[in-house]
């Protein structure tokens, strides 16, 4: 309880002068408006911090909106890619079926062409065999008739008939 000590208030006590100086210093500081200045600076600092917080909140909201947009675009891109994959698979199946049909059609055409060529070759061979047989028969008939006619006398009607047989068979 040094505060109630009478020696503290003596004019020769240096602690009294320190206390008076301190009180005067505080009075000057208050009179000069230091608390208002300090309060203003603290308010300005608080306003600046609040502005930065607001800006950070705005940036965060923008980032979240961008993230949501990116996620949405990603989902749309994945859906589009899935659709494209399905379409490509369908096109591949369709092209495979068309290719098979064209291949079968081509094979059928080639088989038909080969069968026609074989039939033509058979017909040509048969015709050649018939022609050769007819020529052989005509020559044999001519030979036989000439031998009979040589044995008998020459008959111009018979000779003309024999010549026509060879022409008619060819």
N, C-alpha and C. Protein backbone atom coordinates (compact mmCIF):
# COMPACT_ATOMS: atom_id res chain seq x y z
N UNK A 1 0.79 -1.15 0.00
CA UNK A 1 0.00 0.00 0.00
C UNK A 1 0.86 1.25 0.00
N UNK A 2 1.67 1.24 -0.90
CA UNK A 2 2.61 2.33 -1.09
C UNK A 2 1.87 3.58 -1.54
N UNK A 3 0.69 3.42 -2.09
CA UNK A 3 -0.07 4.54 -2.60
C UNK A 3 -0.48 5.50 -1.48
N UNK A 4 -0.69 4.97 -0.27
CA UNK A 4 -1.11 5.81 0.86
C UNK A 4 0.06 6.31 1.69
N UNK A 5 1.24 6.05 1.28
CA UNK A 5 2.44 6.49 2.00
C UNK A 5 2.62 7.99 1.76
N UNK A 6 2.72 8.83 2.84
CA UNK A 6 2.86 10.28 2.66
C UNK A 6 4.20 10.65 2.05
N UNK A 7 5.19 9.83 2.22
CA UNK A 7 6.50 10.13 1.66
C UNK A 7 6.45 10.13 0.13
N UNK A 8 5.50 9.39 -0.45
CA UNK A 8 5.36 9.30 -1.90
C UNK A 8 5.00 10.64 -2.49
N UNK A 9 4.26 11.48 -1.75
CA UNK A 9 3.78 12.76 -2.27
C UNK A 9 4.70 13.92 -1.92
N UNK A 10 5.89 13.66 -1.46
CA UNK A 10 6.84 14.72 -1.14
C UNK A 10 7.45 15.23 -2.44
N UNK A 11 7.73 16.57 -2.52
CA UNK A 11 8.24 17.18 -3.74
C UNK A 11 9.66 16.74 -4.05
N UNK A 12 10.35 16.24 -3.14
CA UNK A 12 11.71 15.81 -3.40
C UNK A 12 11.79 14.32 -3.77
N UNK A 13 10.66 13.67 -3.87
CA UNK A 13 10.60 12.25 -4.23
C UNK A 13 10.64 12.12 -5.77
N UNK A 14 11.67 11.44 -6.31
CA UNK A 14 11.74 11.32 -7.76
C UNK A 14 10.60 10.47 -8.33
N UNK A 15 10.04 9.59 -7.57
CA UNK A 15 8.95 8.75 -8.07
C UNK A 15 7.72 9.59 -8.35
N UNK A 16 7.52 10.66 -7.54
CA UNK A 16 6.41 11.57 -7.77
C UNK A 16 6.56 12.25 -9.11
N UNK A 17 7.77 12.71 -9.40
CA UNK A 17 8.00 13.40 -10.66
C UNK A 17 7.85 12.44 -11.87
N UNK A 18 8.23 11.21 -11.66
CA UNK A 18 8.05 10.22 -12.73
C UNK A 18 6.56 10.00 -12.97
N UNK A 19 5.78 9.91 -11.89
CA UNK A 19 4.34 9.71 -12.01
C UNK A 19 3.69 10.92 -12.67
N UNK A 20 4.12 12.16 -12.26
CA UNK A 20 3.57 13.39 -12.86
C UNK A 20 3.91 13.42 -14.35
N UNK A 21 5.14 13.08 -14.70
CA UNK A 21 5.57 13.06 -16.11
C UNK A 21 4.76 12.05 -16.91
N UNK A 22 4.52 10.92 -16.27
CA UNK A 22 3.75 9.89 -16.95
C UNK A 22 2.32 10.34 -17.20
N UNK A 23 1.71 10.98 -16.16
CA UNK A 23 0.34 11.48 -16.31
C UNK A 23 0.30 12.57 -17.36
N UNK A 24 1.29 13.48 -17.36
CA UNK A 24 1.33 14.54 -18.37
C UNK A 24 1.50 13.94 -19.77
N UNK A 25 2.34 12.95 -19.88
CA UNK A 25 2.55 12.29 -21.18
C UNK A 25 1.23 11.70 -21.70
N UNK A 26 0.52 11.02 -20.80
CA UNK A 26 -0.76 10.44 -21.22
C UNK A 26 -1.77 11.52 -21.58
N UNK A 27 -1.76 12.64 -20.83
CA UNK A 27 -2.68 13.74 -21.12
C UNK A 27 -2.37 14.34 -22.47
N UNK A 28 -1.09 14.51 -22.79
CA UNK A 28 -0.69 15.08 -24.08
C UNK A 28 -1.09 14.11 -25.20
N UNK A 29 -0.86 12.85 -24.98
CA UNK A 29 -1.19 11.85 -25.99
C UNK A 29 -2.70 11.86 -26.25
N UNK A 30 -3.49 11.92 -25.18
CA UNK A 30 -4.95 11.95 -25.33
C UNK A 30 -5.37 13.25 -25.99
N UNK A 31 -4.79 14.38 -25.56
CA UNK A 31 -5.14 15.68 -26.11
C UNK A 31 -4.76 15.76 -27.60
N UNK A 32 -3.66 15.15 -27.98
CA UNK A 32 -3.21 15.18 -29.37
C UNK A 32 -4.06 14.27 -30.26
N UNK A 33 -4.88 13.45 -29.70
CA UNK A 33 -5.78 12.59 -30.48
C UNK A 33 -5.14 11.27 -30.86
N UNK A 34 -4.19 10.85 -30.14
CA UNK A 34 -3.54 9.57 -30.44
C UNK A 34 -4.51 8.39 -30.36
N UNK A 35 -5.42 8.36 -29.36
CA UNK A 35 -6.34 7.22 -29.35
C UNK A 35 -7.23 7.18 -30.60
N UNK A 36 -7.66 8.40 -31.01
CA UNK A 36 -8.48 8.46 -32.22
C UNK A 36 -7.66 8.02 -33.43
N UNK A 37 -6.41 8.49 -33.51
CA UNK A 37 -5.51 8.13 -34.61
C UNK A 37 -5.23 6.62 -34.59
N UNK A 38 -4.95 6.09 -33.44
CA UNK A 38 -4.69 4.66 -33.31
C UNK A 38 -5.96 3.88 -33.63
N UNK A 39 -7.09 4.34 -33.15
CA UNK A 39 -8.37 3.69 -33.45
C UNK A 39 -8.67 3.74 -34.94
N UNK A 40 -8.37 4.90 -35.55
CA UNK A 40 -8.59 5.03 -37.00
C UNK A 40 -7.71 4.08 -37.78
N UNK A 41 -6.46 3.99 -37.35
CA UNK A 41 -5.56 3.06 -38.04
C UNK A 41 -5.99 1.61 -37.82
N UNK A 42 -6.43 1.33 -36.59
CA UNK A 42 -6.92 -0.03 -36.34
C UNK A 42 -8.18 -0.31 -37.15
N UNK A 43 -9.06 0.71 -37.24
CA UNK A 43 -10.26 0.53 -38.06
C UNK A 43 -9.91 0.35 -39.54
N UNK A 44 -8.93 1.13 -40.00
CA UNK A 44 -8.50 1.00 -41.40
C UNK A 44 -7.91 -0.38 -41.64
N UNK A 45 -7.09 -0.80 -40.69
CA UNK A 45 -6.49 -2.13 -40.81
C UNK A 45 -7.58 -3.21 -40.79
N UNK A 46 -8.57 -3.05 -39.91
CA UNK A 46 -9.68 -4.00 -39.84
C UNK A 46 -10.48 -3.98 -41.14
N UNK A 47 -10.71 -2.78 -41.71
CA UNK A 47 -11.43 -2.67 -42.97
C UNK A 47 -10.64 -3.33 -44.10
N UNK A 48 -9.32 -3.12 -44.10
CA UNK A 48 -8.47 -3.74 -45.11
C UNK A 48 -8.53 -5.27 -44.99
N UNK A 49 -8.43 -5.75 -43.76
CA UNK A 49 -8.50 -7.20 -43.53
C UNK A 49 -9.87 -7.73 -43.95
N UNK A 50 -10.94 -6.99 -43.62
CA UNK A 50 -12.29 -7.40 -44.00
C UNK A 50 -12.42 -7.43 -45.53
N UNK A 51 -11.85 -6.42 -46.20
CA UNK A 51 -11.87 -6.40 -47.67
C UNK A 51 -11.13 -7.59 -48.25
N UNK A 52 -9.98 -7.91 -47.66
CA UNK A 52 -9.23 -9.08 -48.13
C UNK A 52 -10.03 -10.36 -47.89
N UNK A 53 -10.72 -10.44 -46.74
CA UNK A 53 -11.56 -11.61 -46.47
C UNK A 53 -12.70 -11.70 -47.47
N UNK A 54 -13.32 -10.54 -47.76
CA UNK A 54 -14.40 -10.52 -48.75
C UNK A 54 -13.89 -10.94 -50.13
N UNK A 55 -12.71 -10.42 -50.50
CA UNK A 55 -12.12 -10.79 -51.78
C UNK A 55 -11.80 -12.28 -51.82
N UNK A 56 -11.28 -12.80 -50.71
CA UNK A 56 -10.98 -14.23 -50.64
C UNK A 56 -12.26 -15.05 -50.76
N UNK A 57 -13.32 -14.59 -50.11
CA UNK A 57 -14.60 -15.31 -50.20
C UNK A 57 -15.13 -15.26 -51.62
N UNK A 58 -15.00 -14.09 -52.28
CA UNK A 58 -15.45 -13.96 -53.66
C UNK A 58 -14.63 -14.88 -54.57
N UNK A 59 -13.32 -14.88 -54.37
CA UNK A 59 -12.45 -15.75 -55.17
C UNK A 59 -12.78 -17.22 -54.93
N UNK A 60 -13.05 -17.56 -53.68
CA UNK A 60 -13.41 -18.94 -53.37
C UNK A 60 -14.72 -19.32 -54.07
N UNK A 61 -15.70 -18.40 -54.03
CA UNK A 61 -16.97 -18.67 -54.69
C UNK A 61 -16.76 -18.85 -56.20
N UNK A 62 -15.91 -17.99 -56.79
CA UNK A 62 -15.61 -18.13 -58.21
C UNK A 62 -14.92 -19.45 -58.49
N UNK A 63 -13.98 -19.83 -57.63
CA UNK A 63 -13.26 -21.09 -57.81
C UNK A 63 -14.22 -22.27 -57.70
N UNK A 64 -15.13 -22.20 -56.74
CA UNK A 64 -16.11 -23.29 -56.60
C UNK A 64 -17.03 -23.35 -57.82
N UNK A 65 -17.41 -22.17 -58.33
CA UNK A 65 -18.26 -22.14 -59.52
C UNK A 65 -17.49 -22.71 -60.72
N UNK A 66 -16.23 -22.34 -60.84
CA UNK A 66 -15.40 -22.87 -61.93
C UNK A 66 -15.22 -24.37 -61.78
N UNK A 67 -15.02 -24.82 -60.56
CA UNK A 67 -14.87 -26.26 -60.31
C UNK A 67 -16.15 -27.00 -60.69
N UNK A 68 -17.29 -26.43 -60.31
CA UNK A 68 -18.57 -27.05 -60.66
C UNK A 68 -18.75 -27.07 -62.18
N UNK A 69 -18.37 -25.96 -62.85
CA UNK A 69 -18.47 -25.90 -64.31
C UNK A 69 -17.55 -26.94 -64.96
N UNK A 70 -16.34 -27.06 -64.43
CA UNK A 70 -15.38 -28.03 -64.98
C UNK A 70 -15.90 -29.45 -64.77
N UNK A 71 -16.44 -29.72 -63.60
CA UNK A 71 -17.01 -31.05 -63.35
C UNK A 71 -18.17 -31.33 -64.29
N UNK A 72 -19.00 -30.31 -64.52
CA UNK A 72 -20.13 -30.46 -65.43
C UNK A 72 -19.63 -30.72 -66.85
N UNK A 73 -18.64 -29.94 -67.29
CA UNK A 73 -18.07 -30.13 -68.62
C UNK A 73 -17.42 -31.50 -68.74
N UNK A 74 -16.76 -31.93 -67.67
CA UNK A 74 -16.12 -33.25 -67.68
C UNK A 74 -17.19 -34.34 -67.83
N UNK A 75 -18.28 -34.20 -67.08
CA UNK A 75 -19.36 -35.18 -67.17
C UNK A 75 -19.96 -35.17 -68.58
N UNK A 76 -20.15 -33.98 -69.15
CA UNK A 76 -20.69 -33.89 -70.50
C UNK A 76 -19.73 -34.51 -71.50
N UNK A 77 -18.42 -34.24 -71.32
CA UNK A 77 -17.42 -34.80 -72.23
C UNK A 77 -17.39 -36.33 -72.12
N UNK A 78 -17.49 -36.84 -70.90
CA UNK A 78 -17.51 -38.29 -70.72
C UNK A 78 -18.76 -38.89 -71.36
N UNK A 79 -19.90 -38.21 -71.20
CA UNK A 79 -21.14 -38.71 -71.82
C UNK A 79 -21.02 -38.66 -73.34
N UNK A 80 -20.46 -37.57 -73.84
CA UNK A 80 -20.27 -37.45 -75.29
C UNK A 80 -19.31 -38.52 -75.79
N UNK A 81 -18.24 -38.77 -75.04
CA UNK A 81 -17.28 -39.81 -75.43
C UNK A 81 -17.96 -41.18 -75.43
N UNK A 82 -18.80 -41.42 -74.44
CA UNK A 82 -19.52 -42.70 -74.39
C UNK A 82 -20.46 -42.83 -75.60
N UNK A 83 -21.15 -41.74 -75.94
CA UNK A 83 -22.03 -41.76 -77.10
C UNK A 83 -21.24 -42.00 -78.38
N UNK A 84 -20.08 -41.33 -78.48
CA UNK A 84 -19.24 -41.50 -79.66
C UNK A 84 -18.74 -42.94 -79.75
N UNK A 85 -18.40 -43.52 -78.61
CA UNK A 85 -17.94 -44.91 -78.59
C UNK A 85 -19.06 -45.84 -79.02
N UNK A 86 -20.27 -45.61 -78.51
CA UNK A 86 -21.41 -46.43 -78.91
C UNK A 86 -21.67 -46.29 -80.41
N UNK A 87 -21.61 -45.06 -80.91
CA UNK A 87 -21.84 -44.82 -82.34
C UNK A 87 -20.76 -45.50 -83.17
N UNK A 88 -19.52 -45.42 -82.71
CA UNK A 88 -18.42 -46.07 -83.44
C UNK A 88 -18.58 -47.58 -83.45
N UNK A 89 -19.00 -48.13 -82.31
CA UNK A 89 -19.23 -49.58 -82.25
C UNK A 89 -20.38 -49.97 -83.18
N UNK A 90 -21.45 -49.17 -83.19
CA UNK A 90 -22.58 -49.46 -84.08
C UNK A 90 -22.13 -49.36 -85.54
N UNK A 91 -21.34 -48.32 -85.86
CA UNK A 91 -20.83 -48.19 -87.23
C UNK A 91 -19.95 -49.37 -87.59
N UNK A 92 -19.12 -49.80 -86.66
CA UNK A 92 -18.24 -50.95 -86.92
C UNK A 92 -19.07 -52.21 -87.18
N UNK A 93 -20.12 -52.41 -86.36
CA UNK A 93 -20.98 -53.58 -86.58
C UNK A 93 -21.68 -53.49 -87.93
N UNK A 94 -22.18 -52.28 -88.25
CA UNK A 94 -22.87 -52.08 -89.52
C UNK A 94 -21.91 -52.32 -90.69
N UNK A 95 -20.70 -51.75 -90.59
CA UNK A 95 -19.72 -51.94 -91.66
C UNK A 95 -19.32 -53.41 -91.79
N UNK A 96 -19.23 -54.08 -90.65
CA UNK A 96 -18.89 -55.52 -90.69
C UNK A 96 -19.99 -56.29 -91.42
N UNK A 97 -21.25 -55.98 -91.09
CA UNK A 97 -22.37 -56.66 -91.74
C UNK A 97 -22.40 -56.35 -93.24
N UNK A 98 -22.18 -55.06 -93.57
CA UNK A 98 -22.16 -54.69 -94.98
C UNK A 98 -21.02 -55.39 -95.71
N UNK A 99 -19.86 -55.44 -95.06
CA UNK A 99 -18.70 -56.10 -95.68
C UNK A 99 -18.97 -57.58 -95.89
N UNK A 100 -19.58 -58.20 -94.88
CA UNK A 100 -19.92 -59.61 -95.04
C UNK A 100 -20.90 -59.81 -96.19
N UNK A 101 -21.91 -58.95 -96.25
CA UNK A 101 -22.91 -59.07 -97.32
C UNK A 101 -22.24 -58.86 -98.68
N UNK A 102 -21.37 -57.85 -98.78
CA UNK A 102 -20.68 -57.61 -100.05
C UNK A 102 -19.77 -58.77 -100.41
N UNK A 103 -19.08 -59.31 -99.40
CA UNK A 103 -18.20 -60.45 -99.65
C UNK A 103 -19.01 -61.65 -100.12
N UNK A 104 -20.13 -61.93 -99.45
CA UNK A 104 -20.98 -63.05 -99.86
C UNK A 104 -21.53 -62.84 -101.27
N UNK A 105 -21.92 -61.58 -101.54
CA UNK A 105 -22.44 -61.26 -102.88
C UNK A 105 -21.34 -61.44 -103.92
N UNK A 106 -20.14 -60.97 -103.60
CA UNK A 106 -19.01 -61.11 -104.53
C UNK A 106 -18.67 -62.57 -104.76
N UNK A 107 -18.66 -63.34 -103.66
CA UNK A 107 -18.38 -64.78 -103.80
C UNK A 107 -19.46 -65.46 -104.63
N UNK A 108 -20.72 -65.09 -104.42
CA UNK A 108 -21.82 -65.67 -105.20
C UNK A 108 -21.67 -65.31 -106.67
N UNK A 109 -21.31 -64.04 -106.96
CA UNK A 109 -21.12 -63.62 -108.35
C UNK A 109 -19.96 -64.39 -108.99
N UNK A 110 -18.87 -64.51 -108.25
CA UNK A 110 -17.72 -65.26 -108.79
C UNK A 110 -18.05 -66.73 -109.01
N UNK A 111 -18.81 -67.29 -108.07
CA UNK A 111 -19.20 -68.69 -108.22
C UNK A 111 -20.11 -68.84 -109.43
N UNK A 112 -21.06 -67.92 -109.58
CA UNK A 112 -21.97 -67.98 -110.73
C UNK A 112 -21.18 -67.82 -112.03
N UNK A 113 -20.20 -66.89 -112.04
CA UNK A 113 -19.38 -66.67 -113.21
C UNK A 113 -18.58 -67.93 -113.54
N UNK A 114 -18.00 -68.54 -112.49
CA UNK A 114 -17.24 -69.77 -112.69
C UNK A 114 -18.14 -70.87 -113.22
N UNK A 115 -19.34 -70.98 -112.67
CA UNK A 115 -20.28 -72.00 -113.15
C UNK A 115 -20.67 -71.75 -114.60
N UNK A 116 -20.89 -70.46 -114.96
CA UNK A 116 -21.21 -70.12 -116.35
C UNK A 116 -20.05 -70.48 -117.28
N UNK A 117 -18.84 -70.18 -116.84
CA UNK A 117 -17.66 -70.50 -117.66
C UNK A 117 -17.51 -72.01 -117.81
N UNK A 118 -17.74 -72.71 -116.70
CA UNK A 118 -17.67 -74.17 -116.77
C UNK A 118 -18.74 -74.70 -117.72
N UNK A 119 -19.97 -74.16 -117.60
CA UNK A 119 -21.06 -74.59 -118.49
C UNK A 119 -20.73 -74.26 -119.94
N UNK A 120 -20.14 -73.08 -120.18
CA UNK A 120 -19.75 -72.70 -121.54
C UNK A 120 -18.67 -73.65 -122.07
N UNK A 121 -17.69 -73.92 -121.17
CA UNK A 121 -16.61 -74.82 -121.59
C UNK A 121 -17.18 -76.21 -121.88
N UNK A 122 -18.12 -76.68 -121.04
CA UNK A 122 -18.74 -77.98 -121.28
C UNK A 122 -19.52 -77.97 -122.58
N UNK A 123 -20.28 -76.87 -122.81
CA UNK A 123 -21.07 -76.77 -124.04
C UNK A 123 -20.15 -76.70 -125.25
N UNK A 124 -19.07 -75.93 -125.11
CA UNK A 124 -18.12 -75.83 -126.22
C UNK A 124 -17.46 -77.18 -126.48
N UNK A 125 -17.07 -77.86 -125.40
CA UNK A 125 -16.45 -79.19 -125.56
C UNK A 125 -17.44 -80.16 -126.18
N UNK A 126 -18.69 -80.11 -125.71
CA UNK A 126 -19.71 -81.01 -126.28
C UNK A 126 -19.93 -80.70 -127.75
N UNK A 127 -19.95 -79.38 -128.08
CA UNK A 127 -20.14 -79.00 -129.48
C UNK A 127 -18.96 -79.46 -130.32
N UNK A 128 -17.75 -79.31 -129.76
CA UNK A 128 -16.57 -79.75 -130.51
C UNK A 128 -16.59 -81.27 -130.70
N UNK A 129 -17.00 -81.98 -129.63
CA UNK A 129 -17.09 -83.45 -129.75
C UNK A 129 -18.14 -83.82 -130.78
N UNK A 130 -19.31 -83.16 -130.75
CA UNK A 130 -20.36 -83.44 -131.73
C UNK A 130 -19.88 -83.12 -133.14
N UNK A 131 -19.20 -81.98 -133.27
CA UNK A 131 -18.71 -81.59 -134.60
C UNK A 131 -17.68 -82.59 -135.10
N UNK A 132 -16.78 -83.00 -134.18
CA UNK A 132 -15.77 -83.99 -134.58
C UNK A 132 -16.44 -85.31 -134.94
N UNK A 133 -17.45 -85.70 -134.13
CA UNK A 133 -18.17 -86.96 -134.42
C UNK A 133 -18.91 -86.85 -135.74
N UNK A 134 -19.51 -85.69 -136.00
CA UNK A 134 -20.25 -85.50 -137.26
C UNK A 134 -19.29 -85.53 -138.43
N UNK A 135 -18.12 -84.87 -138.27
CA UNK A 135 -17.13 -84.88 -139.35
C UNK A 135 -16.66 -86.31 -139.61
N UNK A 136 -16.41 -87.02 -138.50
CA UNK A 136 -15.96 -88.39 -138.63
C UNK A 136 -17.04 -89.25 -139.29
N UNK A 137 -18.29 -89.06 -138.88
CA UNK A 137 -19.40 -89.82 -139.47
C UNK A 137 -19.55 -89.48 -140.94
N UNK A 138 -19.43 -88.17 -141.24
CA UNK A 138 -19.57 -87.74 -142.64
C UNK A 138 -18.46 -88.33 -143.50
N UNK A 139 -17.24 -88.31 -142.95
CA UNK A 139 -16.10 -88.86 -143.70
C UNK A 139 -16.27 -90.37 -143.87
N UNK A 140 -16.74 -91.00 -142.80
CA UNK A 140 -16.94 -92.45 -142.91
C UNK A 140 -18.03 -92.77 -143.92
N UNK A 141 -19.13 -91.99 -143.85
CA UNK A 141 -20.22 -92.22 -144.81
C UNK A 141 -19.75 -91.93 -146.22
N UNK A 142 -18.97 -90.87 -146.35
CA UNK A 142 -18.45 -90.51 -147.66
C UNK A 142 -17.54 -91.61 -148.18
N UNK A 143 -16.70 -92.10 -147.25
CA UNK A 143 -15.77 -93.16 -147.64
C UNK A 143 -16.53 -94.42 -148.05
N UNK A 144 -17.52 -94.79 -147.26
CA UNK A 144 -18.31 -95.99 -147.57
C UNK A 144 -19.07 -95.79 -148.88
N UNK A 145 -19.68 -94.66 -149.03
CA UNK A 145 -20.47 -94.41 -150.25
C UNK A 145 -19.57 -94.34 -151.48
N UNK A 146 -18.39 -93.76 -151.29
CA UNK A 146 -17.48 -93.70 -152.44
C UNK A 146 -16.99 -95.09 -152.83
N UNK A 147 -16.80 -95.92 -151.84
CA UNK A 147 -16.38 -97.30 -152.15
C UNK A 147 -17.53 -98.03 -152.85
N UNK A 148 -18.74 -97.85 -152.40
CA UNK A 148 -19.88 -98.51 -153.05
C UNK A 148 -20.11 -97.93 -154.44
N UNK A 149 -19.97 -96.62 -154.51
CA UNK A 149 -20.19 -96.00 -155.81
C UNK A 149 -19.08 -96.36 -156.79
N UNK A 150 -17.89 -96.52 -156.28
CA UNK A 150 -16.78 -96.89 -157.15
C UNK A 150 -17.03 -98.30 -157.67
N UNK A 151 -17.60 -99.10 -156.78
CA UNK A 151 -17.90 -100.44 -157.22
C UNK A 151 -19.03 -100.38 -158.23
N UNK A 152 -19.93 -99.53 -158.08
CA UNK A 152 -21.00 -99.36 -159.05
C UNK A 152 -20.59 -98.22 -159.96
N UNK A 153 -21.44 -97.77 -160.74
CA UNK A 153 -21.04 -96.71 -161.61
C UNK A 153 -21.35 -95.37 -160.96
N UNK A 154 -20.71 -94.39 -161.48
CA UNK A 154 -20.81 -93.05 -160.91
C UNK A 154 -22.19 -92.45 -161.15
N UNK A 155 -22.75 -91.92 -160.08
CA UNK A 155 -24.08 -91.31 -160.15
C UNK A 155 -23.93 -89.86 -159.68
N UNK A 156 -24.24 -88.88 -160.54
CA UNK A 156 -24.03 -87.49 -160.14
C UNK A 156 -24.96 -87.07 -159.01
N UNK A 157 -26.13 -87.61 -158.92
CA UNK A 157 -27.04 -87.25 -157.83
C UNK A 157 -26.49 -87.76 -156.50
N UNK A 158 -25.92 -88.94 -156.51
CA UNK A 158 -25.34 -89.50 -155.29
C UNK A 158 -24.13 -88.69 -154.86
N UNK A 159 -23.34 -88.27 -155.79
CA UNK A 159 -22.16 -87.46 -155.45
C UNK A 159 -22.58 -86.12 -154.84
N UNK A 160 -23.62 -85.49 -155.37
CA UNK A 160 -24.12 -84.22 -154.84
C UNK A 160 -24.69 -84.40 -153.45
N UNK A 161 -25.42 -85.49 -153.21
CA UNK A 161 -26.00 -85.79 -151.88
C UNK A 161 -24.90 -85.99 -150.86
N UNK A 162 -23.85 -86.69 -151.25
CA UNK A 162 -22.73 -86.94 -150.32
C UNK A 162 -22.04 -85.62 -149.98
N UNK A 163 -21.88 -84.75 -150.91
CA UNK A 163 -21.22 -83.46 -150.65
C UNK A 163 -22.08 -82.60 -149.71
N UNK A 164 -23.41 -82.70 -149.87
CA UNK A 164 -24.30 -81.92 -149.01
C UNK A 164 -24.33 -82.46 -147.59
N UNK A 165 -24.13 -83.76 -147.42
CA UNK A 165 -24.15 -84.33 -146.06
C UNK A 165 -23.04 -83.71 -145.22
N UNK A 166 -21.88 -83.57 -145.77
CA UNK A 166 -20.76 -82.99 -145.02
C UNK A 166 -21.02 -81.53 -144.64
N UNK A 167 -21.67 -80.79 -145.51
CA UNK A 167 -21.95 -79.38 -145.22
C UNK A 167 -23.05 -79.21 -144.20
N UNK A 168 -24.06 -80.11 -144.26
CA UNK A 168 -25.19 -79.99 -143.34
C UNK A 168 -24.80 -80.41 -141.92
N UNK A 169 -23.89 -81.32 -141.76
CA UNK A 169 -23.51 -81.76 -140.42
C UNK A 169 -22.61 -80.76 -139.70
N UNK A 170 -21.94 -79.96 -140.42
CA UNK A 170 -21.07 -78.97 -139.77
C UNK A 170 -21.90 -77.81 -139.39
